[in-house]
Amino acid sequence: MAKEPVRVLLTGAAGAYYMEDSQLVNKPPYFNGANYAYWKNTMMHFIQVNDLGAWNSINKGYSTPPGEMDDWSDGEKKKFQLNAKATHFLFFLAFEEDSDYRN
């Protein structure tokens, strides 16, 4: 028998919404279409907890260094890797909550 999600009604200045189950640190928050401000804040903290460098890449932006990757400095490669991780966090959310990719 499938476990029913725990739904808690929360209200605030942004309106009323349901928060379902507690959030896992290793799984990004799912945006269900309600209370974007809460989701955005939760997503920001999720990324910061997992990798502050990835959050910095999102917050400040990123430009790929010129030339071939073999010619990049170690610092440029590290920034590239952090941007790739940040992109992964964001694309991960494009899938439905119960998608096989997310499980």
PDB file of N, CA and C in Angstrom:
ATOM      1  N   MET A   1       0.831  -1.165   0.000  1.00  0.00           N
ATOM      2  CA  MET A   1       0.000   0.000   0.000  1.00  0.00           C
ATOM      3  C   MET A   1       0.888   1.245   0.000  1.00  0.00           C
ATOM      4  N   ALA A   2       0.588   2.191  -0.875  1.00  0.00           N
ATOM      5  CA  ALA A   2       1.392   3.407  -0.997  1.00  0.00           C
ATOM      6  C   ALA A   2       1.169   4.314   0.203  1.00  0.00           C
ATOM      7  N   LYS A   3       2.250   4.915   0.635  1.00  0.00           N
ATOM      8  CA  LYS A   3       2.184   5.846   1.757  1.00  0.00           C
ATOM      9  C   LYS A   3       1.607   7.176   1.281  1.00  0.00           C
ATOM     10  N   GLU A   4       0.619   7.691   1.984  1.00  0.00           N
ATOM     11  CA  GLU A   4       0.030   8.988   1.669  1.00  0.00           C
ATOM     12  C   GLU A   4       0.970  10.080   2.140  1.00  0.00           C
ATOM     13  N   PRO A   5       1.194  11.124   1.321  1.00  0.00           N
ATOM     14  CA  PRO A   5       2.066  12.202   1.766  1.00  0.00           C
ATOM     15  C   PRO A   5       1.431  12.986   2.910  1.00  0.00           C
ATOM     16  N   VAL A   6       2.286  13.477   3.787  1.00  0.00           N
ATOM     17  CA  VAL A   6       1.822  14.325   4.882  1.00  0.00           C
ATOM     18  C   VAL A   6       1.656  15.718   4.312  1.00  0.00           C
ATOM     19  N   ARG A   7       0.471  16.307   4.477  1.00  0.00           N
ATOM     20  CA  ARG A   7       0.207  17.647   3.965  1.00  0.00           C
ATOM     21  C   ARG A   7      -0.098  18.567   5.132  1.00  0.00           C
ATOM     22  N   VAL A   8       0.687  19.637   5.230  1.00  0.00           N
ATOM     23  CA  VAL A   8       0.509  20.610   6.299  1.00  0.00           C
ATOM     24  C   VAL A   8       0.138  21.930   5.646  1.00  0.00           C
ATOM     25  N   LEU A   9      -0.992  22.520   6.041  1.00  0.00           N
ATOM     26  CA  LEU A   9      -1.413  23.808   5.497  1.00  0.00           C
ATOM     27  C   LEU A   9      -0.652  24.917   6.197  1.00  0.00           C
ATOM     28  N   LEU A  10       0.059  25.729   5.399  1.00  0.00           N
ATOM     29  CA  LEU A  10       0.796  26.868   5.921  1.00  0.00           C
ATOM     30  C   LEU A  10       0.204  28.136   5.327  1.00  0.00           C
ATOM     31  N   THR A  11       0.147  29.180   6.126  1.00  0.00           N
ATOM     32  CA  THR A  11      -0.352  30.452   5.629  1.00  0.00           C
ATOM     33  C   THR A  11       0.655  31.544   5.948  1.00  0.00           C
ATOM     34  N   GLY A  12       0.672  32.555   5.128  1.00  0.00           N
ATOM     35  CA  GLY A  12       1.566  33.675   5.347  1.00  0.00           C
ATOM     36  C   GLY A  12       1.213  34.804   4.416  1.00  0.00           C
ATOM     37  N   ALA A  13       2.084  35.789   4.327  1.00  0.00           N
ATOM     38  CA  ALA A  13       1.832  36.961   3.499  1.00  0.00           C
ATOM     39  C   ALA A  13       1.665  36.583   2.022  1.00  0.00           C
ATOM     40  N   ALA A  14       2.322  35.514   1.595  1.00  0.00           N
ATOM     41  CA  ALA A  14       2.241  35.088   0.195  1.00  0.00           C
ATOM     42  C   ALA A  14       0.998  34.260  -0.080  1.00  0.00           C
ATOM     43  N   GLY A  15       0.202  33.962   0.941  1.00  0.00           N
ATOM     44  CA  GLY A  15      -1.009  33.163   0.766  1.00  0.00           C
ATOM     45  C   GLY A  15      -0.894  31.826   1.476  1.00  0.00           C
ATOM     46  N   ALA A  16      -1.859  30.971   1.224  1.00  0.00           N
ATOM     47  CA  ALA A  16      -1.886  29.651   1.849  1.00  0.00           C
ATOM     48  C   ALA A  16      -1.367  28.609   0.862  1.00  0.00           C
ATOM     49  N   TYR A  17      -0.685  27.614   1.378  1.00  0.00           N
ATOM     50  CA  TYR A  17      -0.187  26.528   0.550  1.00  0.00           C
ATOM     51  C   TYR A  17       0.054  25.317   1.432  1.00  0.00           C
ATOM     52  N   TYR A  18       0.202  24.176   0.786  1.00  0.00           N
ATOM     53  CA  TYR A  18       0.494  22.946   1.502  1.00  0.00           C
ATOM     54  C   TYR A  18       1.975  22.615   1.378  1.00  0.00           C
ATOM     55  N   MET A  19       2.582  22.215   2.481  1.00  0.00           N
ATOM     56  CA  MET A  19       3.933  21.694   2.474  1.00  0.00           C
ATOM     57  C   MET A  19       3.803  20.188   2.653  1.00  0.00           C
ATOM     58  N   GLU A  20       4.387  19.440   1.735  1.00  0.00           N
ATOM     59  CA  GLU A  20       4.258  17.986   1.769  1.00  0.00           C
ATOM     60  C   GLU A  20       5.541  17.337   2.245  1.00  0.00           C
ATOM     61  N   ASP A  21       5.428  16.461   3.239  1.00  0.00           N
ATOM     62  CA  ASP A  21       6.563  15.724   3.790  1.00  0.00           C
ATOM     63  C   ASP A  21       7.731  16.665   4.095  1.00  0.00           C
ATOM     64  N   SER A  22       8.707  16.166   4.787  1.00  0.00           N
ATOM     65  CA  SER A  22       9.899  16.964   5.064  1.00  0.00           C
ATOM     66  C   SER A  22      10.829  16.869   3.861  1.00  0.00           C
ATOM     67  N   GLN A  23      11.660  17.871   3.681  1.00  0.00           N
ATOM     68  CA  GLN A  23      12.548  17.946   2.527  1.00  0.00           C
ATOM     69  C   GLN A  23      13.851  17.209   2.807  1.00  0.00           C
ATOM     70  N   LEU A  24      14.252  16.359   1.879  1.00  0.00           N
ATOM     71  CA  LEU A  24      15.524  15.662   1.984  1.00  0.00           C
ATOM     72  C   LEU A  24      16.643  16.579   1.515  1.00  0.00           C
ATOM     73  N   VAL A  25      17.798  16.484   2.134  1.00  0.00           N
ATOM     74  CA  VAL A  25      18.937  17.325   1.765  1.00  0.00           C
ATOM     75  C   VAL A  25      19.493  16.917   0.406  1.00  0.00           C
ATOM     76  N   ASN A  26      19.359  15.658   0.033  1.00  0.00           N
ATOM     77  CA  ASN A  26      19.939  15.191  -1.224  1.00  0.00           C
ATOM     78  C   ASN A  26      18.942  15.191  -2.386  1.00  0.00           C
ATOM     79  N   LYS A  27      17.773  15.780  -2.210  1.00  0.00           N
ATOM     80  CA  LYS A  27      16.764  15.827  -3.265  1.00  0.00           C
ATOM     81  C   LYS A  27      16.225  17.254  -3.352  1.00  0.00           C
ATOM     82  N   PRO A  28      16.315  17.887  -4.538  1.00  0.00           N
ATOM     83  CA  PRO A  28      15.864  19.268  -4.628  1.00  0.00           C
ATOM     84  C   PRO A  28      14.373  19.398  -4.354  1.00  0.00           C
ATOM     85  N   PRO A  29      13.943  20.550  -3.861  1.00  0.00           N
ATOM     86  CA  PRO A  29      12.517  20.755  -3.600  1.00  0.00           C
ATOM     87  C   PRO A  29      11.734  20.780  -4.905  1.00  0.00           C
ATOM     88  N   TYR A  30      10.591  20.161  -4.906  1.00  0.00           N
ATOM     89  CA  TYR A  30       9.734  20.106  -6.087  1.00  0.00           C
ATOM     90  C   TYR A  30       8.800  21.308  -6.074  1.00  0.00           C
ATOM     91  N   PHE A  31       8.728  22.037  -7.179  1.00  0.00           N
ATOM     92  CA  PHE A  31       7.805  23.164  -7.278  1.00  0.00           C
ATOM     93  C   PHE A  31       6.476  22.655  -7.804  1.00  0.00           C
ATOM     94  N   ASN A  32       5.448  22.732  -6.955  1.00  0.00           N
ATOM     95  CA  ASN A  32       4.130  22.208  -7.322  1.00  0.00           C
ATOM     96  C   ASN A  32       3.198  23.285  -7.861  1.00  0.00           C
ATOM     97  N   GLY A  33       3.731  24.471  -8.126  1.00  0.00           N
ATOM     98  CA  GLY A  33       2.926  25.547  -8.685  1.00  0.00           C
ATOM     99  C   GLY A  33       2.381  26.506  -7.645  1.00  0.00           C
ATOM    100  N   ALA A  34       2.555  26.189  -6.370  1.00  0.00           N
ATOM    101  CA  ALA A  34       2.054  27.047  -5.296  1.00  0.00           C
ATOM    102  C   ALA A  34       3.222  27.661  -4.536  1.00  0.00           C
ATOM    103  N   ASN A  35       3.074  28.882  -4.136  1.00  0.00           N
ATOM    104  CA  ASN A  35       4.020  29.624  -3.306  1.00  0.00           C
ATOM    105  C   ASN A  35       5.450  29.581  -3.849  1.00  0.00           C
ATOM    106  N   TYR A  36       5.633  30.263  -4.954  1.00  0.00           N
ATOM    107  CA  TYR A  36       6.943  30.332  -5.595  1.00  0.00           C
ATOM    108  C   TYR A  36       8.010  30.886  -4.663  1.00  0.00           C
ATOM    109  N   ALA A  37       7.663  31.901  -3.865  1.00  0.00           N
ATOM    110  CA  ALA A  37       8.643  32.526  -2.970  1.00  0.00           C
ATOM    111  C   ALA A  37       9.223  31.500  -1.990  1.00  0.00           C
ATOM    112  N   TYR A  38       8.368  30.639  -1.439  1.00  0.00           N
ATOM    113  CA  TYR A  38       8.835  29.602  -0.517  1.00  0.00           C
ATOM    114  C   TYR A  38       9.732  28.607  -1.254  1.00  0.00           C
ATOM    115  N   TRP A  39       9.301  28.161  -2.440  1.00  0.00           N
ATOM    116  CA  TRP A  39      10.093  27.206  -3.212  1.00  0.00           C
ATOM    117  C   TRP A  39      11.452  27.799  -3.576  1.00  0.00           C
ATOM    118  N   LYS A  40      11.464  29.052  -4.045  1.00  0.00           N
ATOM    119  CA  LYS A  40      12.707  29.704  -4.450  1.00  0.00           C
ATOM    120  C   LYS A  40      13.697  29.757  -3.287  1.00  0.00           C
ATOM    121  N   ASN A  41      13.220  30.131  -2.115  1.00  0.00           N
ATOM    122  CA  ASN A  41      14.079  30.199  -0.933  1.00  0.00           C
ATOM    123  C   ASN A  41      14.593  28.809  -0.545  1.00  0.00           C
ATOM    124  N   THR A  42      13.718  27.827  -0.594  1.00  0.00           N
ATOM    125  CA  THR A  42      14.103  26.451  -0.275  1.00  0.00           C
ATOM    126  C   THR A  42      15.127  25.928  -1.278  1.00  0.00           C
ATOM    127  N   MET A  43      14.927  26.249  -2.560  1.00  0.00           N
ATOM    128  CA  MET A  43      15.858  25.812  -3.599  1.00  0.00           C
ATOM    129  C   MET A  43      17.224  26.472  -3.412  1.00  0.00           C
ATOM    130  N   MET A  44      17.222  27.763  -3.072  1.00  0.00           N
ATOM    131  CA  MET A  44      18.479  28.462  -2.833  1.00  0.00           C
ATOM    132  C   MET A  44      19.261  27.777  -1.714  1.00  0.00           C
ATOM    133  N   HIS A  45      18.585  27.456  -0.620  1.00  0.00           N
ATOM    134  CA  HIS A  45      19.258  26.801   0.501  1.00  0.00           C
ATOM    135  C   HIS A  45      19.699  25.389   0.136  1.00  0.00           C
ATOM    136  N   PHE A  46      18.910  24.672  -0.643  1.00  0.00           N
ATOM    137  CA  PHE A  46      19.288  23.332  -1.083  1.00  0.00           C
ATOM    138  C   PHE A  46      20.619  23.380  -1.842  1.00  0.00           C
ATOM    139  N   ILE A  47      20.740  24.311  -2.788  1.00  0.00           N
ATOM    140  CA  ILE A  47      21.966  24.406  -3.581  1.00  0.00           C
ATOM    141  C   ILE A  47      23.130  24.854  -2.710  1.00  0.00           C
ATOM    142  N   GLN A  48      22.904  25.835  -1.835  1.00  0.00           N
ATOM    143  CA  GLN A  48      23.980  26.319  -0.959  1.00  0.00           C
ATOM    144  C   GLN A  48      24.496  25.219  -0.036  1.00  0.00           C
ATOM    145  N   VAL A  49      23.601  24.404   0.490  1.00  0.00           N
ATOM    146  CA  VAL A  49      24.006  23.317   1.384  1.00  0.00           C
ATOM    147  C   VAL A  49      24.831  22.276   0.623  1.00  0.00           C
ATOM    148  N   ASN A  50      24.434  21.995  -0.611  1.00  0.00           N
ATOM    149  CA  ASN A  50      25.127  20.975  -1.391  1.00  0.00           C
ATOM    150  C   ASN A  50      26.439  21.462  -1.980  1.00  0.00           C
ATOM    151  N   ASP A  51      26.505  22.716  -2.418  1.00  0.00           N
ATOM    152  CA  ASP A  51      27.753  23.236  -2.966  1.00  0.00           C
ATOM    153  C   ASP A  51      27.664  24.754  -3.103  1.00  0.00           C
ATOM    154  N   LEU A  52      28.330  25.456  -2.215  1.00  0.00           N
ATOM    155  CA  LEU A  52      28.295  26.911  -2.210  1.00  0.00           C
ATOM    156  C   LEU A  52      28.914  27.474  -3.491  1.00  0.00           C
ATOM    157  N   GLY A  53      29.904  26.805  -4.037  1.00  0.00           N
ATOM    158  CA  GLY A  53      30.503  27.242  -5.298  1.00  0.00           C
ATOM    159  C   GLY A  53      29.510  27.177  -6.450  1.00  0.00           C
ATOM    160  N   ALA A  54      28.670  26.139  -6.466  1.00  0.00           N
ATOM    161  CA  ALA A  54      27.634  26.032  -7.497  1.00  0.00           C
ATOM    162  C   ALA A  54      26.632  27.173  -7.347  1.00  0.00           C
ATOM    163  N   TRP A  55      26.263  27.495  -6.101  1.00  0.00           N
ATOM    164  CA  TRP A  55      25.358  28.613  -5.871  1.00  0.00           C
ATOM    165  C   TRP A  55      25.990  29.917  -6.368  1.00  0.00           C
ATOM    166  N   ASN A  56      27.263  30.098  -6.129  1.00  0.00           N
ATOM    167  CA  ASN A  56      27.961  31.300  -6.578  1.00  0.00           C
ATOM    168  C   ASN A  56      27.911  31.395  -8.106  1.00  0.00           C
ATOM    169  N   SER A  57      28.024  30.276  -8.788  1.00  0.00           N
ATOM    170  CA  SER A  57      27.944  30.251 -10.243  1.00  0.00           C
ATOM    171  C   SER A  57      26.564  30.703 -10.720  1.00  0.00           C
ATOM    172  N   ILE A  58      25.515  30.290 -10.025  1.00  0.00           N
ATOM    173  CA  ILE A  58      24.153  30.710 -10.370  1.00  0.00           C
ATOM    174  C   ILE A  58      23.968  32.190 -10.065  1.00  0.00           C
ATOM    175  N   ASN A  59      24.411  32.589  -8.896  1.00  0.00           N
ATOM    176  CA  ASN A  59      24.184  33.942  -8.408  1.00  0.00           C
ATOM    177  C   ASN A  59      24.956  34.994  -9.215  1.00  0.00           C
ATOM    178  N   LYS A  60      26.204  34.694  -9.566  1.00  0.00           N
ATOM    179  CA  LYS A  60      27.043  35.669 -10.258  1.00  0.00           C
ATOM    180  C   LYS A  60      27.110  35.444 -11.766  1.00  0.00           C
ATOM    181  N   GLY A  61      26.687  34.288 -12.227  1.00  0.00           N
ATOM    182  CA  GLY A  61      26.782  33.976 -13.648  1.00  0.00           C
ATOM    183  C   GLY A  61      28.107  33.314 -13.972  1.00  0.00           C
ATOM    184  N   TYR A  62      28.224  32.804 -15.188  1.00  0.00           N
ATOM    185  CA  TYR A  62      29.421  32.076 -15.592  1.00  0.00           C
ATOM    186  C   TYR A  62      29.633  32.268 -17.085  1.00  0.00           C
ATOM    187  N   SER A  63      30.872  32.398 -17.494  1.00  0.00           N
ATOM    188  CA  SER A  63      31.264  32.445 -18.907  1.00  0.00           C
ATOM    189  C   SER A  63      32.354  31.403 -19.121  1.00  0.00           C
ATOM    190  N   THR A  64      32.180  30.581 -20.134  1.00  0.00           N
ATOM    191  CA  THR A  64      33.167  29.554 -20.444  1.00  0.00           C
ATOM    192  C   THR A  64      34.462  30.215 -20.907  1.00  0.00           C
ATOM    193  N   PRO A  65      35.597  29.786 -20.371  1.00  0.00           N
ATOM    194  CA  PRO A  65      36.882  30.363 -20.800  1.00  0.00           C
ATOM    195  C   PRO A  65      37.132  30.073 -22.287  1.00  0.00           C
ATOM    196  N   PRO A  66      37.887  30.949 -22.951  1.00  0.00           N
ATOM    197  CA  PRO A  66      38.195  30.696 -24.370  1.00  0.00           C
ATOM    198  C   PRO A  66      39.174  29.540 -24.521  1.00  0.00           C
ATOM    199  N   GLY A  67      39.199  28.986 -25.707  1.00  0.00           N
ATOM    200  CA  GLY A  67      40.167  27.940 -26.015  1.00  0.00           C
ATOM    201  C   GLY A  67      39.690  26.554 -25.631  1.00  0.00           C
ATOM    202  N   GLU A  68      40.594  25.611 -25.754  1.00  0.00           N
ATOM    203  CA  GLU A  68      40.309  24.216 -25.440  1.00  0.00           C
ATOM    204  C   GLU A  68      40.412  23.967 -23.938  1.00  0.00           C
ATOM    205  N   MET A  69      39.646  23.012 -23.444  1.00  0.00           N
ATOM    206  CA  MET A  69      39.655  22.700 -22.022  1.00  0.00           C
ATOM    207  C   MET A  69      41.048  22.294 -21.543  1.00  0.00           C
ATOM    208  N   ASP A  70      41.815  21.629 -22.395  1.00  0.00           N
ATOM    209  CA  ASP A  70      43.173  21.215 -22.013  1.00  0.00           C
ATOM    210  C   ASP A  70      44.072  22.415 -21.702  1.00  0.00           C
ATOM    211  N   ASP A  71      43.727  23.580 -22.252  1.00  0.00           N
ATOM    212  CA  ASP A  71      44.532  24.781 -22.052  1.00  0.00           C
ATOM    213  C   ASP A  71      44.063  25.618 -20.851  1.00  0.00           C
ATOM    214  N   TRP A  72      42.962  25.239 -20.236  1.00  0.00           N
ATOM    215  CA  TRP A  72      42.424  26.011 -19.113  1.00  0.00           C
ATOM    216  C   TRP A  72      43.272  25.800 -17.860  1.00  0.00           C
ATOM    217  N   SER A  73      43.297  26.799 -17.003  1.00  0.00           N
ATOM    218  CA  SER A  73      43.976  26.657 -15.709  1.00  0.00           C
ATOM    219  C   SER A  73      43.131  25.767 -14.802  1.00  0.00           C
ATOM    220  N   ASP A  74      43.715  25.321 -13.707  1.00  0.00           N
ATOM    221  CA  ASP A  74      42.964  24.508 -12.741  1.00  0.00           C
ATOM    222  C   ASP A  74      41.774  25.286 -12.191  1.00  0.00           C
ATOM    223  N   GLY A  75      41.950  26.589 -11.959  1.00  0.00           N
ATOM    224  CA  GLY A  75      40.860  27.423 -11.458  1.00  0.00           C
ATOM    225  C   GLY A  75      39.715  27.531 -12.451  1.00  0.00           C
ATOM    226  N   GLU A  76      40.037  27.653 -13.745  1.00  0.00           N
ATOM    227  CA  GLU A  76      38.998  27.716 -14.785  1.00  0.00           C
ATOM    228  C   GLU A  76      38.243  26.397 -14.881  1.00  0.00           C
ATOM    229  N   LYS A  77      38.974  25.294 -14.755  1.00  0.00           N
ATOM    230  CA  LYS A  77      38.321  23.981 -14.783  1.00  0.00           C
ATOM    231  C   LYS A  77      37.401  23.802 -13.585  1.00  0.00           C
ATOM    232  N   LYS A  78      37.824  24.268 -12.415  1.00  0.00           N
ATOM    233  CA  LYS A  78      37.005  24.167 -11.205  1.00  0.00           C
ATOM    234  C   LYS A  78      35.724  24.986 -11.364  1.00  0.00           C
ATOM    235  N   LYS A  79      35.837  26.213 -11.902  1.00  0.00           N
ATOM    236  CA  LYS A  79      34.645  27.040 -12.128  1.00  0.00           C
ATOM    237  C   LYS A  79      33.709  26.394 -13.138  1.00  0.00           C
ATOM    238  N   PHE A  80      34.271  25.771 -14.183  1.00  0.00           N
ATOM    239  CA  PHE A  80      33.463  25.073 -15.168  1.00  0.00           C
ATOM    240  C   PHE A  80      32.690  23.923 -14.511  1.00  0.00           C
ATOM    241  N   GLN A  81      33.383  23.182 -13.656  1.00  0.00           N
ATOM    242  CA  GLN A  81      32.756  22.057 -12.969  1.00  0.00           C
ATOM    243  C   GLN A  81      31.638  22.539 -12.036  1.00  0.00           C
ATOM    244  N   LEU A  82      31.868  23.631 -11.325  1.00  0.00           N
ATOM    245  CA  LEU A  82      30.842  24.184 -10.436  1.00  0.00           C
ATOM    246  C   LEU A  82      29.628  24.638 -11.237  1.00  0.00           C
ATOM    247  N   ASN A  83      29.849  25.243 -12.402  1.00  0.00           N
ATOM    248  CA  ASN A  83      28.733  25.663 -13.237  1.00  0.00           C
ATOM    249  C   ASN A  83      27.947  24.458 -13.749  1.00  0.00           C
ATOM    250  N   ALA A  84      28.667  23.388 -14.105  1.00  0.00           N
ATOM    251  CA  ALA A  84      27.997  22.165 -14.559  1.00  0.00           C
ATOM    252  C   ALA A  84      27.134  21.583 -13.429  1.00  0.00           C
ATOM    253  N   LYS A  85      27.641  21.629 -12.209  1.00  0.00           N
ATOM    254  CA  LYS A  85      26.886  21.132 -11.064  1.00  0.00           C
ATOM    255  C   LYS A  85      25.647  21.995 -10.842  1.00  0.00           C
ATOM    256  N   ALA A  86      25.800  23.316 -10.943  1.00  0.00           N
ATOM    257  CA  ALA A  86      24.663  24.230 -10.781  1.00  0.00           C
ATOM    258  C   ALA A  86      23.608  23.975 -11.856  1.00  0.00           C
ATOM    259  N   THR A  87      24.057  23.774 -13.081  1.00  0.00           N
ATOM    260  CA  THR A  87      23.131  23.484 -14.182  1.00  0.00           C
ATOM    261  C   THR A  87      22.392  22.181 -13.916  1.00  0.00           C
ATOM    262  N   HIS A  88      23.088  21.196 -13.388  1.00  0.00           N
ATOM    263  CA  HIS A  88      22.455  19.919 -13.045  1.00  0.00           C
ATOM    264  C   HIS A  88      21.357  20.127 -12.002  1.00  0.00           C
ATOM    265  N   PHE A  89      21.650  20.905 -10.948  1.00  0.00           N
ATOM    266  CA  PHE A  89      20.624  21.177  -9.937  1.00  0.00           C
ATOM    267  C   PHE A  89      19.380  21.771 -10.579  1.00  0.00           C
ATOM    268  N   LEU A  90      19.557  22.729 -11.489  1.00  0.00           N
ATOM    269  CA  LEU A  90      18.414  23.420 -12.081  1.00  0.00           C
ATOM    270  C   LEU A  90      17.658  22.544 -13.075  1.00  0.00           C
ATOM    271  N   PHE A  91      18.373  21.799 -13.928  1.00  0.00           N
ATOM    272  CA  PHE A  91      17.696  20.923 -14.883  1.00  0.00           C
ATOM    273  C   PHE A  91      17.004  19.753 -14.197  1.00  0.00           C
ATOM    274  N   PHE A  92      17.529  19.330 -13.069  1.00  0.00           N
ATOM    275  CA  PHE A  92      16.946  18.237 -12.305  1.00  0.00           C
ATOM    276  C   PHE A  92      15.492  18.537 -11.982  1.00  0.00           C
ATOM    277  N   LEU A  93      15.179  19.811 -11.801  1.00  0.00           N
ATOM    278  CA  LEU A  93      13.829  20.225 -11.426  1.00  0.00           C
ATOM    279  C   LEU A  93      12.861  20.236 -12.587  1.00  0.00           C
ATOM    280  N   ALA A  94      13.355  20.098 -13.817  1.00  0.00           N
ATOM    281  CA  ALA A  94      12.479  20.138 -14.978  1.00  0.00           C
ATOM    282  C   ALA A  94      11.632  18.877 -15.092  1.00  0.00           C
ATOM    283  N   PHE A  95      11.944  17.857 -14.323  1.00  0.00           N
ATOM    284  CA  PHE A  95      11.222  16.595 -14.393  1.00  0.00           C
ATOM    285  C   PHE A  95      10.135  16.543 -13.330  1.00  0.00           C
ATOM    286  N   GLU A  96       9.107  15.794 -13.604  1.00  0.00           N
ATOM    287  CA  GLU A  96       8.017  15.633 -12.645  1.00  0.00           C
ATOM    288  C   GLU A  96       8.541  15.029 -11.354  1.00  0.00           C
ATOM    289  N   GLU A  97       7.847  15.320 -10.266  1.00  0.00           N
ATOM    290  CA  GLU A  97       8.272  14.853  -8.943  1.00  0.00           C
ATOM    291  C   GLU A  97       8.412  13.340  -8.880  1.00  0.00           C
ATOM    292  N   ASP A  98       7.522  12.613  -9.540  1.00  0.00           N
ATOM    293  CA  ASP A  98       7.570  11.156  -9.440  1.00  0.00           C
ATOM    294  C   ASP A  98       8.264  10.519 -10.656  1.00  0.00           C
ATOM    295  N   SER A  99       9.023  11.298 -11.401  1.00  0.00           N
ATOM    296  CA  SER A  99       9.733  10.796 -12.567  1.00  0.00           C
ATOM    297  C   SER A  99      10.772   9.744 -12.142  1.00  0.00           C
ATOM    298  N   ASP A 100      11.043   8.792 -13.028  1.00  0.00           N
ATOM    299  CA  ASP A 100      12.084   7.805 -12.748  1.00  0.00           C
ATOM    300  C   ASP A 100      13.442   8.477 -12.589  1.00  0.00           C
ATOM    301  N   TYR A 101      13.670   9.610 -13.282  1.00  0.00           N
ATOM    302  CA  TYR A 101      14.946  10.305 -13.190  1.00  0.00           C
ATOM    303  C   TYR A 101      15.181  10.839 -11.781  1.00  0.00           C
ATOM    304  N   ARG A 102      14.123  11.295 -11.127  1.00  0.00           N
ATOM    305  CA  ARG A 102      14.258  11.904  -9.804  1.00  0.00           C
ATOM    306  C   ARG A 102      14.399  10.858  -8.705  1.00  0.00           C
ATOM    307  N   ASN A 103      14.001   9.630  -8.946  1.00  0.00           N
ATOM    308  CA  ASN A 103      14.023   8.621  -7.871  1.00  0.00           C
ATOM    309  C   ASN A 103      15.359   7.932  -7.776  1.00  0.00           C
TER     310      ASN A 103
END
